[in-house]
Amino acid sequence: MTHTNSALHDLTVAQLADLLRARKVSALETAQHFLARAQANASLGAFLDFNEEVTLGQARAADLALAAGSGSATPTLLGVPMAHKDIFVTRDFVSTAGSRMLAGYRSPFDATVVSKLAAQGVVTLGKLNCDEFAMGSANENSAFGPVKNPWDLTRTPGGSSGGSAAAVAARLLPAATGTDTGGSIRQPASFCGVTGIKPTYGRASRYGMVAFASSLDQAGPMARTAQDCALLLSAMCGPDPDRDSTSLDVPAEDFTQSLNESIEGLRIGVPAEFFGEGLADDVRAAVDGALRELEKLGARLVPISLPRTELSIPVYYIIAPAEASSNLSRFDGVKFGHRAAQYADLTDMYKKTRAEGFGDEVKRRIMIGTYVLSHGYYDAYYLQAQKIRRMIADDFQQAYLQCDVIAGPVAPTVAWKLGGHGNDPLADYLADIFTLPGSLAGLPGMSLPVGFGANHMPVGLQLIGNYLQEARLLNVAHRFQQATDWHLAKPEGF
């Protein structure tokens, strides 16, 4: 079977799934096509590992299942290829979390998100580059080299899910998994001109995700359209009580069911704090244009306030490093991962192993986290941060009394040059100001492409919903994408 109407890599997940189910293209042919594209574009730095034998074996199995098909009972994603951010552990692919500490590590099990997608017949193409232990906003912290933005190879794709965003934007695959702790799905989606969603905290199981900040980490899909994200999120979500105590006892939901609902009368909250000083004019213009388009579709813009937005940066950079310092204590060279080759005693082994295995940003966050949790500082820093976190969540609940969805920019600027922030980690931290509040509150949030800013770099619109309102966000995004074509734009040369 050969599909000649259009290049396979220009198809969305939904389009590809339709062709596979109609037997107009085979899963094997599709997997081979995307593997060839991914390997031919290795210089982008998006992929960290392939296992061709496993990938093609999964594709052949999908073809057998498609041939035996039972109509509507056939999983929608059967035979669709995608890849996983290397923060998810996988049995058949190396799992490094972008760190020298886990170089070459093979997990004895799959993460729940990986196994859920596999159960739907998804074909795994490989593992995608990310900031080390998901710590970063530029994908420059990976021990295996930076990822480049396909729109401009001298610029960052965003982070920490930069490999996922870049691979989707460059048409190396139709979709990928990502994780979002403080904006790590939404920001790279914005920088690379793709669509990504972080569900409500607890919607998707964290089992098998290499932990950074346990009260914040959440898995989500990245693809070209809201429809694709709805298909993938439906497969990824669901309770996992036996393996993830933070998993919500909320049944899996088909997010595609409400994709074509009217948004007539929808109240879209526009926070004053997201449009103040520091927001670049080019980003503001693209976001304003998107809001006007939503008004044309029947939505109503409502001015709101999220008064503690600025406090989200210090709060996040106390809570997240505190949890990271605890989570990363397991990497000591004893049971798995890197171990220093030479050491005098056990303490010396710990020190040398961690000094060699962790990168600078990870060490920085471990030290900050250890400090704020230490005796004499816990009450002054960590406890206060948790109190303000609750206030930030309360601000959102007050806002939702006036609106249904909140909209604004994802980041203050378009993607900056690789190395553009030099040795100034604070510049990276400040770039997260619009994504951190929703993360701290545990709310669902997404980014969708709405235009271009300076140097023809993509700009994303952020939508933030109330708890468990993913379907509403996806519907708003889908209606916008039906009326516009920003999501169809692709970088030159790909």
Protein backbone atom coordinates (compact mmCIF):
# COMPACT_ATOMS: atom_id res chain seq x y z
CA MET A 1 0.00 0.00 0.00
CA THR A 2 1.32 3.43 -0.89
CA HIS A 3 -0.24 6.77 -0.03
CA THR A 4 0.53 9.32 -2.73
CA ASN A 5 -1.96 12.14 -2.16
CA SER A 6 0.20 13.96 0.37
CA ALA A 7 3.44 13.42 2.22
CA LEU A 8 2.72 11.26 5.28
CA HIS A 9 4.55 13.71 7.53
CA ASP A 10 2.17 16.54 6.61
CA LEU A 11 -0.81 14.62 7.98
CA THR A 12 -2.26 15.16 11.44
CA VAL A 13 -2.81 12.28 13.87
CA ALA A 14 -6.52 12.23 13.00
CA GLN A 15 -5.83 12.16 9.25
CA LEU A 16 -3.19 9.46 9.59
CA ALA A 17 -5.47 7.37 11.82
CA ASP A 18 -8.23 7.56 9.18
CA LEU A 19 -5.85 6.38 6.43
CA LEU A 20 -4.58 3.51 8.57
CA ARG A 21 -8.10 2.35 9.43
CA ALA A 22 -9.11 2.58 5.76
CA ARG A 23 -6.01 0.48 4.92
CA LYS A 24 -4.80 3.17 2.48
CA VAL A 25 -1.41 3.16 4.16
CA SER A 26 0.26 0.55 6.34
CA ALA A 27 1.58 1.11 9.85
CA LEU A 28 4.92 -0.39 8.74
CA GLU A 29 5.26 2.01 5.81
CA THR A 30 4.32 4.90 8.11
CA ALA A 31 6.84 3.92 10.79
CA GLN A 32 9.60 3.50 8.22
CA HIS A 33 8.82 6.91 6.73
CA PHE A 34 9.03 8.71 10.07
CA LEU A 35 12.11 6.80 11.23
CA ALA A 36 13.88 7.85 8.03
CA ARG A 37 12.87 11.50 8.57
CA ALA A 38 13.96 11.47 12.21
CA GLN A 39 17.34 9.94 11.40
CA ALA A 40 17.89 12.26 8.43
CA ASN A 41 17.34 15.27 10.70
CA ALA A 42 19.51 14.09 13.59
CA SER A 43 21.29 17.47 13.65
CA LEU A 44 18.13 19.00 15.14
CA GLY A 45 19.03 17.16 18.37
CA ALA A 46 15.43 16.12 19.03
CA PHE A 47 15.91 12.34 19.40
CA LEU A 48 18.07 10.56 21.99
CA ASP A 49 17.33 6.91 21.22
CA PHE A 50 15.90 4.64 18.54
CA ASN A 51 15.22 0.90 18.55
CA GLU A 52 14.26 0.13 14.97
CA GLU A 53 13.59 -3.55 15.61
CA VAL A 54 11.05 -2.76 18.34
CA THR A 55 9.43 0.07 16.36
CA LEU A 56 8.97 -1.99 13.20
CA GLY A 57 7.78 -4.97 15.27
CA GLN A 58 5.08 -2.78 16.83
CA ALA A 59 4.13 -1.50 13.35
CA ARG A 60 3.78 -5.04 11.96
CA ALA A 61 1.60 -6.00 14.94
CA ALA A 62 -0.56 -2.92 14.29
CA ASP A 63 -0.96 -3.93 10.65
CA LEU A 64 -2.13 -7.40 11.68
CA ALA A 65 -4.64 -5.86 14.09
CA LEU A 66 -5.83 -3.41 11.42
CA ALA A 67 -6.24 -6.25 8.91
CA ALA A 68 -8.27 -8.22 11.45
CA GLY A 69 -10.13 -4.98 12.35
CA SER A 70 -13.54 -4.98 13.91
CA GLY A 71 -14.84 -1.62 12.70
CA SER A 72 -15.62 0.88 15.44
CA ALA A 73 -13.96 -1.35 18.06
CA THR A 74 -10.56 -0.76 16.46
CA PRO A 75 -8.61 1.74 18.61
CA THR A 76 -8.43 5.13 16.86
CA LEU A 77 -4.67 5.41 17.43
CA LEU A 78 -3.83 1.92 16.17
CA GLY A 79 -0.66 2.15 14.07
CA VAL A 80 -0.10 5.88 14.67
CA PRO A 81 3.61 6.61 15.37
CA MET A 82 4.80 8.92 18.14
CA ALA A 83 7.75 9.28 20.51
CA HIS A 84 8.14 9.89 24.22
CA LYS A 85 9.94 12.59 26.12
CA ASP A 86 12.91 10.93 27.77
CA ILE A 87 11.49 11.65 31.21
CA PHE A 88 9.18 8.62 30.79
CA VAL A 89 10.84 5.28 31.48
CA THR A 90 10.55 2.62 28.79
CA ARG A 91 11.58 -1.04 28.67
CA ASP A 92 12.64 -1.10 25.05
CA PHE A 93 14.42 2.26 24.84
CA VAL A 94 17.09 3.93 26.93
CA SER A 95 15.66 6.23 29.65
CA THR A 96 18.07 9.01 30.60
CA ALA A 97 15.96 12.03 31.66
CA GLY A 98 18.54 13.98 29.65
CA SER A 99 21.14 13.33 32.35
CA ARG A 100 24.62 11.84 32.43
CA MET A 101 23.47 10.27 35.70
CA LEU A 102 21.23 7.86 33.73
CA ALA A 103 23.28 7.48 30.55
CA GLY A 104 22.49 4.07 29.04
CA TYR A 105 19.89 3.21 31.71
CA ARG A 106 17.20 0.69 30.72
CA SER A 107 14.08 0.51 32.84
CA PRO A 108 12.50 -2.87 33.72
CA PHE A 109 9.02 -1.40 33.13
CA ASP A 110 7.11 1.18 31.10
CA ALA A 111 5.61 4.37 32.52
CA THR A 112 1.79 4.21 32.80
CA VAL A 113 1.34 6.87 30.09
CA VAL A 114 3.57 4.83 27.76
CA SER A 115 1.69 1.59 28.46
CA LYS A 116 -1.72 3.29 28.05
CA LEU A 117 -0.75 4.59 24.61
CA ALA A 118 0.75 1.20 23.69
CA ALA A 119 -2.55 -0.44 24.65
CA GLN A 120 -4.19 1.78 22.02
CA GLY A 121 -1.77 0.48 19.39
CA VAL A 122 0.52 3.51 19.22
CA VAL A 123 3.88 2.72 17.57
CA THR A 124 6.86 4.12 19.51
CA LEU A 125 9.51 5.75 17.30
CA GLY A 126 12.00 6.53 20.05
CA LYS A 127 12.87 8.84 22.95
CA LEU A 128 13.07 12.62 22.76
CA ASN A 129 15.63 15.03 24.18
CA CYS A 130 14.77 17.23 27.16
CA ASP A 131 16.37 19.44 29.77
CA GLU A 132 18.09 17.34 32.42
CA PHE A 133 15.45 15.97 34.81
CA ALA A 134 13.04 18.42 33.10
CA MET A 135 14.82 21.40 34.66
CA GLY A 136 15.02 24.22 32.15
CA SER A 137 13.23 26.57 29.79
CA ALA A 138 15.49 26.29 26.74
CA ASN A 139 16.48 22.62 26.31
CA GLU A 140 20.10 23.66 26.77
CA ASN A 141 20.52 21.69 30.00
CA SER A 142 20.48 18.23 28.40
CA ALA A 143 23.70 16.28 28.99
CA PHE A 144 23.41 15.11 25.37
CA GLY A 145 23.38 18.50 23.71
CA PRO A 146 20.77 21.17 23.00
CA VAL A 147 17.74 20.87 20.75
CA LYS A 148 17.41 23.43 17.94
CA ASN A 149 14.22 25.23 16.98
CA PRO A 150 13.24 24.14 13.44
CA TRP A 151 11.98 27.67 12.69
CA ASP A 152 15.48 29.05 13.31
CA LEU A 153 18.29 26.62 14.10
CA THR A 154 20.12 29.29 16.11
CA ARG A 155 17.23 29.58 18.59
CA THR A 156 15.91 27.54 21.49
CA PRO A 157 12.82 25.34 21.04
CA GLY A 158 11.89 26.05 24.66
CA GLY A 159 12.00 23.55 27.47
CA SER A 160 11.97 21.21 29.08
CA SER A 161 9.93 19.35 26.42
CA GLY A 162 11.94 20.98 23.63
CA GLY A 163 12.73 17.72 21.84
CA SER A 164 9.01 16.88 21.67
CA ALA A 165 8.00 20.33 20.38
CA ALA A 166 10.82 20.53 17.82
CA ALA A 167 10.15 17.03 16.49
CA VAL A 168 6.43 17.75 15.99
CA ALA A 169 7.12 21.15 14.39
CA ALA A 170 9.71 19.66 12.02
CA ARG A 171 7.26 16.91 11.00
CA LEU A 172 9.60 14.21 12.31
CA LEU A 173 6.50 12.67 13.89
CA PRO A 174 2.81 13.59 14.16
CA ALA A 175 2.72 13.75 17.96
CA ALA A 176 4.79 13.30 21.12
CA THR A 177 4.41 13.11 24.88
CA GLY A 178 5.69 15.90 27.07
CA THR A 179 5.62 16.83 30.73
CA ASP A 180 4.79 20.15 32.33
CA THR A 181 6.02 21.15 35.77
CA GLY A 182 6.00 24.94 35.40
CA GLY A 183 5.20 25.34 31.71
CA SER A 184 7.31 22.69 30.01
CA ILE A 185 4.60 21.66 27.53
CA ARG A 186 3.05 25.07 26.91
CA GLN A 187 6.22 27.14 26.46
CA PRO A 188 8.00 24.90 23.92
CA ALA A 189 4.67 24.43 22.10
CA SER A 190 4.47 28.21 21.81
CA PHE A 191 8.10 28.61 20.71
CA CYS A 192 7.78 25.89 18.04
CA GLY A 193 4.29 26.69 16.75
CA VAL A 194 2.56 23.47 17.81
CA THR A 195 -0.36 22.63 20.11
CA GLY A 196 0.16 21.16 23.58
CA ILE A 197 -1.94 20.62 26.68
CA LYS A 198 -1.15 20.04 30.35
CA PRO A 199 -4.18 18.42 32.01
CA THR A 200 -5.38 18.99 35.56
CA TYR A 201 -2.81 17.73 38.07
CA GLY A 202 -3.57 14.05 38.71
CA ARG A 203 -5.46 13.42 35.43
CA ALA A 204 -2.54 11.44 33.97
CA SER A 205 -0.54 9.00 36.06
CA ARG A 206 2.96 10.05 37.11
CA TYR A 207 4.07 6.42 37.55
CA GLY A 208 7.23 5.92 35.54
CA MET A 209 7.89 9.63 35.03
CA VAL A 210 11.33 10.41 36.43
CA ALA A 211 10.30 12.77 39.23
CA PHE A 212 11.32 16.41 39.38
CA ALA A 213 8.68 18.13 41.54
CA SER A 214 6.03 15.60 42.54
CA SER A 215 3.26 18.09 43.39
CA LEU A 216 3.63 19.81 40.00
CA ASP A 217 4.77 17.28 37.35
CA GLN A 218 2.06 16.32 34.87
CA ALA A 219 2.10 14.49 31.54
CA GLY A 220 0.40 15.73 28.39
CA PRO A 221 0.43 15.44 24.60
CA MET A 222 2.00 17.71 21.97
CA ALA A 223 0.73 17.64 18.39
CA ARG A 224 -0.22 19.97 15.58
CA THR A 225 -3.91 20.40 16.37
CA ALA A 226 -6.30 20.51 19.29
CA GLN A 227 -8.17 17.57 17.75
CA ASP A 228 -4.98 15.49 17.85
CA CYS A 229 -4.32 16.50 21.45
CA ALA A 230 -7.90 15.48 22.35
CA LEU A 231 -7.37 12.03 20.81
CA LEU A 232 -4.08 11.51 22.64
CA LEU A 233 -5.18 12.93 25.99
CA SER A 234 -8.20 10.61 25.95
CA ALA A 235 -5.80 7.66 25.78
CA MET A 236 -3.31 9.02 28.33
CA CYS A 237 -5.63 9.94 31.19
CA GLY A 238 -7.38 7.82 33.80
CA PRO A 239 -6.92 6.74 37.42
CA ASP A 240 -3.90 4.70 38.49
CA PRO A 241 -4.57 4.19 42.22
CA ASP A 242 -2.29 1.19 42.69
CA ARG A 243 0.82 2.94 41.38
CA ASP A 244 0.27 6.70 41.75
CA SER A 245 -1.24 8.00 44.97
CA THR A 246 -1.68 11.47 43.41
CA SER A 247 -3.78 10.06 40.55
CA LEU A 248 -7.32 11.46 40.53
CA ASP A 249 -10.20 9.03 40.87
CA VAL A 250 -11.78 10.42 37.71
CA PRO A 251 -12.68 8.02 34.89
CA ALA A 252 -11.05 8.36 31.50
CA GLU A 253 -12.91 10.76 29.21
CA ASP A 254 -13.31 11.03 25.44
CA PHE A 255 -12.23 14.63 24.91
CA THR A 256 -13.17 14.53 21.22
CA GLN A 257 -16.90 14.37 22.03
CA SER A 258 -17.30 18.11 22.67
CA LEU A 259 -14.91 19.43 20.02
CA ASN A 260 -17.55 21.04 17.83
CA GLU A 261 -19.62 22.79 20.45
CA SER A 262 -20.36 26.47 19.89
CA ILE A 263 -18.38 28.98 21.95
CA GLU A 264 -21.14 31.57 21.58
CA GLY A 265 -21.37 33.46 24.88
CA LEU A 266 -18.22 31.88 26.33
CA ARG A 267 -16.64 34.27 28.83
CA ILE A 268 -12.89 34.54 28.28
CA GLY A 269 -11.03 36.15 31.17
CA VAL A 270 -8.12 38.40 30.20
CA PRO A 271 -5.81 38.95 33.21
CA ALA A 272 -4.38 42.48 33.42
CA GLU A 273 -1.19 41.04 34.95
CA PHE A 274 -0.47 39.04 31.76
CA PHE A 275 -0.45 42.17 29.59
CA GLY A 276 1.70 44.56 31.58
CA GLU A 277 5.27 45.73 31.35
CA GLY A 278 7.64 43.04 30.10
CA LEU A 279 5.34 41.60 27.43
CA ALA A 280 6.98 42.09 24.03
CA ASP A 281 4.95 44.12 21.51
CA ASP A 282 5.12 41.39 18.85
CA VAL A 283 3.74 38.76 21.25
CA ARG A 284 1.03 41.15 22.44
CA ALA A 285 -0.05 41.84 18.83
CA ALA A 286 -0.38 38.12 18.00
CA VAL A 287 -2.28 37.36 21.20
CA ASP A 288 -4.59 40.35 20.73
CA GLY A 289 -5.33 39.14 17.21
CA ALA A 290 -6.26 35.70 18.55
CA LEU A 291 -8.56 37.21 21.18
CA ARG A 292 -10.32 39.24 18.48
CA GLU A 293 -10.78 36.04 16.45
CA LEU A 294 -12.35 34.33 19.46
CA GLU A 295 -14.71 37.29 19.80
CA LYS A 296 -15.75 36.81 16.16
CA LEU A 297 -16.59 33.20 17.04
CA GLY A 298 -19.00 34.44 19.71
CA ALA A 299 -16.87 34.56 22.84
CA ARG A 300 -16.93 37.55 25.17
CA LEU A 301 -13.75 39.04 26.66
CA VAL A 302 -13.91 39.84 30.37
CA PRO A 303 -11.16 41.80 32.18
CA ILE A 304 -9.98 39.93 35.28
CA SER A 305 -7.13 40.08 37.77
CA LEU A 306 -4.72 37.45 39.06
CA PRO A 307 -3.03 39.72 41.60
CA ARG A 308 -0.37 37.30 42.82
CA THR A 309 1.02 36.47 39.36
CA GLU A 310 4.43 38.00 40.13
CA LEU A 311 4.72 35.95 43.32
CA SER A 312 4.46 32.73 41.31
CA ILE A 313 8.15 32.93 40.34
CA PRO A 314 9.64 32.98 43.88
CA VAL A 315 7.00 30.50 45.08
CA TYR A 316 7.72 28.03 42.28
CA TYR A 317 11.48 28.35 42.60
CA ILE A 318 11.22 27.47 46.29
CA ILE A 319 8.71 24.60 46.06
CA ALA A 320 10.03 22.91 42.90
CA PRO A 321 13.71 22.81 43.99
CA ALA A 322 12.66 21.62 47.46
CA GLU A 323 10.84 18.66 45.94
CA ALA A 324 13.67 18.09 43.46
CA SER A 325 16.28 17.91 46.22
CA SER A 326 14.25 15.15 47.85
CA ASN A 327 13.44 13.26 44.62
CA LEU A 328 16.99 13.34 43.30
CA SER A 329 18.53 12.02 46.51
CA ARG A 330 17.97 8.49 45.12
CA PHE A 331 20.69 9.07 42.51
CA ASP A 332 23.68 8.17 44.66
CA GLY A 333 25.47 5.48 42.64
CA VAL A 334 24.34 2.60 44.86
CA LYS A 335 21.47 0.85 43.06
CA PHE A 336 21.31 2.22 39.52
CA GLY A 337 22.62 4.93 37.26
CA HIS A 338 26.09 6.44 37.16
CA ARG A 339 28.71 5.54 39.76
CA ALA A 340 32.08 7.25 40.08
CA ALA A 341 34.93 5.01 38.95
CA GLN A 342 37.24 5.85 41.85
CA TYR A 343 36.39 6.72 45.44
CA ALA A 344 37.83 6.29 48.91
CA ASP A 345 34.70 5.33 50.89
CA LEU A 346 30.91 5.42 50.69
CA THR A 347 30.63 9.16 51.39
CA ASP A 348 33.30 9.88 48.79
CA MET A 349 31.39 7.72 46.30
CA TYR A 350 28.19 9.72 46.90
CA LYS A 351 30.00 13.02 46.43
CA LYS A 352 31.91 12.06 43.29
CA THR A 353 28.96 10.25 41.70
CA ARG A 354 26.64 13.22 42.13
CA ALA A 355 29.31 15.74 41.12
CA GLU A 356 29.98 13.83 37.90
CA GLY A 357 26.40 12.78 37.12
CA PHE A 358 24.45 16.02 37.59
CA GLY A 359 24.69 19.13 35.41
CA ASP A 360 25.01 22.68 36.71
CA GLU A 361 21.30 23.56 36.70
CA VAL A 362 20.33 20.38 38.53
CA LYS A 363 23.03 21.00 41.15
CA ARG A 364 21.81 24.58 41.53
CA ARG A 365 18.24 23.47 42.19
CA ILE A 366 19.28 20.69 44.56
CA MET A 367 21.27 23.22 46.61
CA ILE A 368 18.39 25.73 46.66
CA GLY A 369 15.95 22.98 47.64
CA THR A 370 18.18 21.61 50.38
CA TYR A 371 18.65 25.14 51.76
CA VAL A 372 14.93 26.03 51.93
CA LEU A 373 14.15 22.71 53.63
CA SER A 374 16.96 22.98 56.16
CA HIS A 375 16.47 23.64 59.86
CA GLY A 376 15.80 27.32 60.50
CA TYR A 377 14.72 28.08 56.94
CA TYR A 378 11.80 25.68 56.41
CA ASP A 379 9.26 28.01 58.06
CA ALA A 380 10.73 31.15 56.53
CA TYR A 381 10.79 29.90 52.96
CA TYR A 382 9.08 26.58 52.19
CA LEU A 383 6.10 27.01 54.50
CA GLN A 384 5.49 30.59 53.36
CA ALA A 385 5.71 29.51 49.70
CA GLN A 386 3.07 26.84 50.28
CA LYS A 387 0.75 29.42 51.87
CA ILE A 388 1.12 31.78 48.90
CA ARG A 389 0.58 28.84 46.54
CA ARG A 390 -2.85 28.35 48.11
CA MET A 391 -3.57 32.08 47.65
CA ILE A 392 -2.59 31.85 43.96
CA ALA A 393 -5.05 28.96 43.56
CA ASP A 394 -7.72 31.05 45.32
CA ASP A 395 -7.08 33.93 42.89
CA PHE A 396 -8.01 31.62 40.03
CA GLN A 397 -11.21 30.50 41.75
CA GLN A 398 -12.22 34.14 42.23
CA ALA A 399 -11.51 34.76 38.54
CA TYR A 400 -13.66 31.81 37.46
CA LEU A 401 -16.66 33.44 39.12
CA GLN A 402 -16.42 36.01 36.30
CA CYS A 403 -15.25 33.86 33.37
CA ASP A 404 -15.19 30.34 31.93
CA VAL A 405 -11.68 30.24 30.46
CA ILE A 406 -8.61 32.43 30.99
CA ALA A 407 -6.52 33.50 27.99
CA GLY A 408 -3.22 35.28 27.54
CA PRO A 409 0.34 34.90 26.31
CA VAL A 410 2.39 31.78 27.05
CA ALA A 411 5.72 33.60 27.35
CA PRO A 412 6.75 37.28 27.35
CA THR A 413 8.84 36.90 24.16
CA VAL A 414 9.35 34.60 21.19
CA ALA A 415 12.15 32.00 21.36
CA TRP A 416 15.53 33.52 22.15
CA LYS A 417 18.92 32.58 20.71
CA LEU A 418 20.60 29.42 22.02
CA GLY A 419 22.94 30.64 24.73
CA GLY A 420 21.08 33.95 24.69
CA HIS A 421 20.64 33.96 28.45
CA GLY A 422 24.28 33.03 28.95
CA ASN A 423 25.01 32.11 32.54
CA ASP A 424 21.97 33.94 33.87
CA PRO A 425 19.51 31.30 35.12
CA LEU A 426 17.25 34.06 36.46
CA ALA A 427 16.48 35.16 32.88
CA ASP A 428 15.14 31.66 32.17
CA TYR A 429 13.14 31.66 35.40
CA LEU A 430 11.50 35.03 34.64
CA ALA A 431 10.39 33.76 31.21
CA ASP A 432 8.02 31.34 33.01
CA ILE A 433 5.91 34.06 34.62
CA PHE A 434 2.70 33.34 32.64
CA THR A 435 2.81 29.54 32.91
CA LEU A 436 3.76 29.15 36.57
CA PRO A 437 0.52 30.39 38.21
CA GLY A 438 -1.63 27.70 36.54
CA SER A 439 0.92 25.01 37.39
CA LEU A 440 1.03 26.01 41.06
CA ALA A 441 -2.77 25.84 41.16
CA GLY A 442 -2.82 22.43 39.41
CA LEU A 443 -5.08 23.74 36.63
CA PRO A 444 -5.26 22.49 33.03
CA GLY A 445 -3.56 24.76 30.50
CA MET A 446 -2.69 24.65 26.84
CA SER A 447 -0.87 26.52 24.11
CA LEU A 448 -1.97 26.87 20.50
CA PRO A 449 -0.22 28.71 17.66
CA VAL A 450 -1.77 32.12 16.87
CA GLY A 451 0.77 33.90 14.68
CA PHE A 452 4.35 35.03 14.38
CA GLY A 453 6.43 37.63 16.12
CA ALA A 454 9.89 39.04 15.60
CA ASN A 455 12.14 37.16 13.14
CA HIS A 456 9.11 35.14 12.01
CA MET A 457 9.12 33.09 15.21
CA PRO A 458 5.87 31.43 16.40
CA VAL A 459 3.68 32.86 19.14
CA GLY A 460 1.28 30.77 21.22
CA LEU A 461 -1.96 31.66 23.01
CA GLN A 462 -2.34 30.18 26.47
CA LEU A 463 -5.74 28.94 27.60
CA ILE A 464 -6.22 28.04 31.29
CA GLY A 465 -9.34 26.22 32.46
CA ASN A 466 -10.80 25.36 35.83
CA TYR A 467 -10.18 21.90 37.27
CA LEU A 468 -11.13 19.01 34.95
CA GLN A 469 -12.14 21.44 32.18
CA GLU A 470 -9.78 20.02 29.54
CA ALA A 471 -12.67 19.34 27.16
CA ARG A 472 -13.66 23.02 27.22
CA LEU A 473 -10.09 24.17 26.51
CA LEU A 474 -9.73 21.72 23.64
CA ASN A 475 -13.07 22.81 22.18
CA VAL A 476 -12.10 26.51 22.26
CA ALA A 477 -8.76 25.68 20.62
CA HIS A 478 -10.41 23.46 18.01
CA ARG A 479 -12.96 26.11 17.06
CA PHE A 480 -10.15 28.64 16.72
CA GLN A 481 -8.16 26.27 14.52
CA GLN A 482 -11.20 25.62 12.31
CA ALA A 483 -11.37 29.37 11.66
CA THR A 484 -7.61 30.01 11.23
CA ASP A 485 -4.63 28.28 9.68
CA TRP A 486 -1.71 29.19 11.97
CA HIS A 487 -1.44 25.54 13.03
CA LEU A 488 -0.81 24.53 9.41
CA ALA A 489 2.32 26.66 9.03
CA LYS A 490 5.54 24.69 8.95
CA PRO A 491 9.22 25.67 9.12
CA GLU A 492 11.07 26.00 5.84
CA GLY A 493 13.13 22.96 4.92
CA PHE A 494 10.96 20.48 6.80
